[in-house]
Structures are given as structure tokens and as C-alpha cells.
Amino acid sequence: MAGERFPSGARIGRGSEIRRILRIGKRVRTGPVDGFFAPSPTHRPRFAVIVPRFGHTIVRRNLVKRRVREVVRREWLSEAHRLGLERDLVLKARPSAYEASFEDVRSALHEVFGRCRED
């Protein structure tokens, strides 16, 4: 199971870095998730997940975060490394993410990943 953990270098942990990406990054709007991406100063793919409360409990917020992280971990990070993408990606849940199924979130994230590859 250790091979499936997120490498610490794949996380954007500082709020200042997340704010920079939200400010200068390109935005992709999908149903349940907005994606913001910008060139990475570390020259490797990194990501962060933002899930606002929108009046929901922490249990519901954590479910949304886990769904987003799972798709990123299994599908985006390996592909980004393989393609040599040097992008920082911030994924921000929208209110509809709380009602979306895992497959809805997954397809929305694939749309974000596609736009991230193109630019």
C-alpha cells in the first residue's frame, strides 16, 4: 500500500502557493469542480484540493476530498509524470460536488486534466 501514497513533493502545502495559482492560473470550469493550473516552480506536477463548506458537515467535505484525491492519485499524477507536465493544479469543489457521484467527479476531472495537457 505504501506505493500508492501521495509523494510529499506532489502536494502544494502553502497557502501562498495556492493563492498564486488561483490568481495567475488558467481556470477550467466543470460541473462539480473548478480547476486552476499554472507552471510549477518546482518543475514537477503538484496539486491541492479545496473543498469549501457550503453548509455541509465535515464528513461530507471529507468524502468530496477523498473522491478528488483518489482520481488525482490514480490517474493524473502518473500521467503527468509520464508526459513530463510541470504544472501546479488546484482543484476547487463547487456546491454540486456534494451531490455528484464518484463517476461524475471523475469525468469532470478528466476534462480538467485534458485542458491542463493542452495548454
Protein backbone atom coordinates (compact mmCIF):
# COMPACT_ATOMS: atom_id res chain seq x y z
CA MET A 1 0.00 0.00 0.00
CA ALA A 2 2.95 2.34 0.54
CA GLY A 3 3.47 2.54 -3.23
CA GLU A 4 0.07 4.16 -3.63
CA ARG A 5 0.57 7.03 -1.19
CA PHE A 6 0.91 10.58 -2.37
CA PRO A 7 4.54 11.61 -2.55
CA SER A 8 5.06 14.67 -0.38
CA GLY A 9 6.54 16.50 -3.38
CA ALA A 10 3.23 16.15 -5.23
CA ARG A 11 1.35 18.30 -2.71
CA ILE A 12 1.03 22.06 -2.68
CA GLY A 13 1.01 22.79 1.01
CA ARG A 14 1.47 26.51 1.37
CA GLY A 15 -1.49 28.83 1.21
CA SER A 16 0.60 31.44 -0.58
CA GLU A 17 1.31 28.98 -3.40
CA ILE A 18 -2.35 28.07 -3.70
CA ARG A 19 -3.35 31.76 -3.81
CA ARG A 20 -0.73 32.37 -6.53
CA ILE A 21 -2.21 29.62 -8.70
CA LEU A 22 -5.76 30.85 -8.12
CA ARG A 23 -4.64 34.36 -9.11
CA ILE A 24 -2.45 33.66 -12.18
CA GLY A 25 -3.57 30.18 -13.26
CA LYS A 26 -5.84 29.28 -16.11
CA ARG A 27 -9.32 28.28 -14.99
CA VAL A 28 -11.34 25.33 -16.23
CA ARG A 29 -14.97 25.20 -15.06
CA THR A 30 -16.76 21.88 -14.96
CA GLY A 31 -19.91 20.82 -13.14
CA PRO A 32 -18.63 19.75 -9.72
CA VAL A 33 -15.03 21.03 -9.81
CA ASP A 34 -13.12 24.09 -10.99
CA GLY A 35 -9.50 23.52 -11.94
CA PHE A 36 -6.74 26.13 -11.89
CA PHE A 37 -3.34 25.32 -13.35
CA ALA A 38 -0.08 27.17 -13.77
CA PRO A 39 3.56 26.30 -14.47
CA SER A 40 5.23 24.71 -11.46
CA PRO A 41 8.28 26.45 -10.00
CA THR A 42 9.47 23.03 -8.76
CA HIS A 43 9.46 21.56 -12.31
CA ARG A 44 7.24 18.64 -11.32
CA PRO A 45 3.47 18.14 -11.19
CA ARG A 46 1.83 19.12 -7.89
CA PHE A 47 -1.76 19.58 -6.76
CA ALA A 48 -4.01 20.88 -3.99
CA VAL A 49 -7.69 20.33 -3.22
CA ILE A 50 -10.02 23.00 -1.82
CA VAL A 51 -13.45 21.98 -0.56
CA PRO A 52 -15.46 24.93 0.84
CA ARG A 53 -18.09 24.18 3.48
CA PHE A 54 -21.16 25.33 1.57
CA GLY A 55 -23.15 24.48 4.73
CA HIS A 56 -22.19 20.79 4.79
CA THR A 57 -20.66 18.73 7.58
CA ILE A 58 -17.01 17.76 7.79
CA VAL A 59 -17.99 14.18 6.94
CA ARG A 60 -19.44 15.30 3.60
CA ARG A 61 -16.46 17.58 2.92
CA ASN A 62 -14.04 14.73 3.57
CA LEU A 63 -15.96 12.47 1.18
CA VAL A 64 -15.61 15.05 -1.60
CA LYS A 65 -11.89 15.49 -0.83
CA ARG A 66 -11.28 11.73 -0.86
CA ARG A 67 -13.02 11.33 -4.22
CA VAL A 68 -11.00 14.11 -5.82
CA ARG A 69 -7.69 12.91 -4.35
CA GLU A 70 -8.32 9.34 -5.47
CA VAL A 71 -8.79 10.33 -9.11
CA VAL A 72 -5.75 12.62 -8.98
CA ARG A 73 -3.58 9.96 -7.35
CA ARG A 74 -4.56 7.10 -9.63
CA GLU A 75 -4.94 8.91 -12.94
CA TRP A 76 -3.37 12.37 -13.11
CA LEU A 77 -0.07 12.12 -11.24
CA SER A 78 1.23 9.10 -13.13
CA GLU A 79 0.17 10.57 -16.48
CA ALA A 80 1.66 13.96 -15.65
CA HIS A 81 4.99 12.34 -14.77
CA ARG A 82 4.90 10.22 -17.91
CA LEU A 83 4.20 13.25 -20.13
CA GLY A 84 6.66 15.48 -18.29
CA LEU A 85 3.99 18.04 -17.32
CA GLU A 86 5.41 20.64 -15.00
CA ARG A 87 2.09 22.01 -13.77
CA ASP A 88 0.64 23.01 -10.44
CA LEU A 89 -3.05 22.11 -10.28
CA VAL A 90 -5.54 23.42 -7.72
CA LEU A 91 -8.94 21.74 -7.72
CA LYS A 92 -11.77 23.63 -6.04
CA ALA A 93 -15.05 21.86 -5.36
CA ARG A 94 -18.26 23.61 -6.31
CA PRO A 95 -21.56 23.17 -4.44
CA SER A 96 -22.68 20.49 -6.91
CA ALA A 97 -19.69 18.30 -5.90
CA TYR A 98 -21.54 17.35 -2.73
CA GLU A 99 -24.31 15.70 -4.72
CA ALA A 100 -22.13 14.30 -7.55
CA SER A 101 -21.31 10.62 -7.81
CA PHE A 102 -17.73 9.37 -7.99
CA GLU A 103 -18.09 8.91 -11.76
CA ASP A 104 -19.38 12.48 -12.18
CA VAL A 105 -16.35 13.81 -10.29
CA ARG A 106 -14.03 11.55 -12.27
CA SER A 107 -15.36 12.69 -15.66
CA ALA A 108 -15.19 16.36 -14.61
CA LEU A 109 -11.59 15.91 -13.50
CA HIS A 110 -10.72 14.24 -16.81
CA GLU A 111 -11.99 17.34 -18.56
CA VAL A 112 -9.73 19.49 -16.34
CA PHE A 113 -6.76 17.15 -16.95
CA GLY A 114 -7.31 17.35 -20.71
CA ARG A 115 -7.24 21.14 -20.69
CA CYS A 116 -4.16 21.08 -18.46
CA ARG A 117 -2.35 18.87 -21.02
CA GLU A 118 -3.34 21.11 -23.94
CA ASP A 119 -2.00 24.39 -22.56
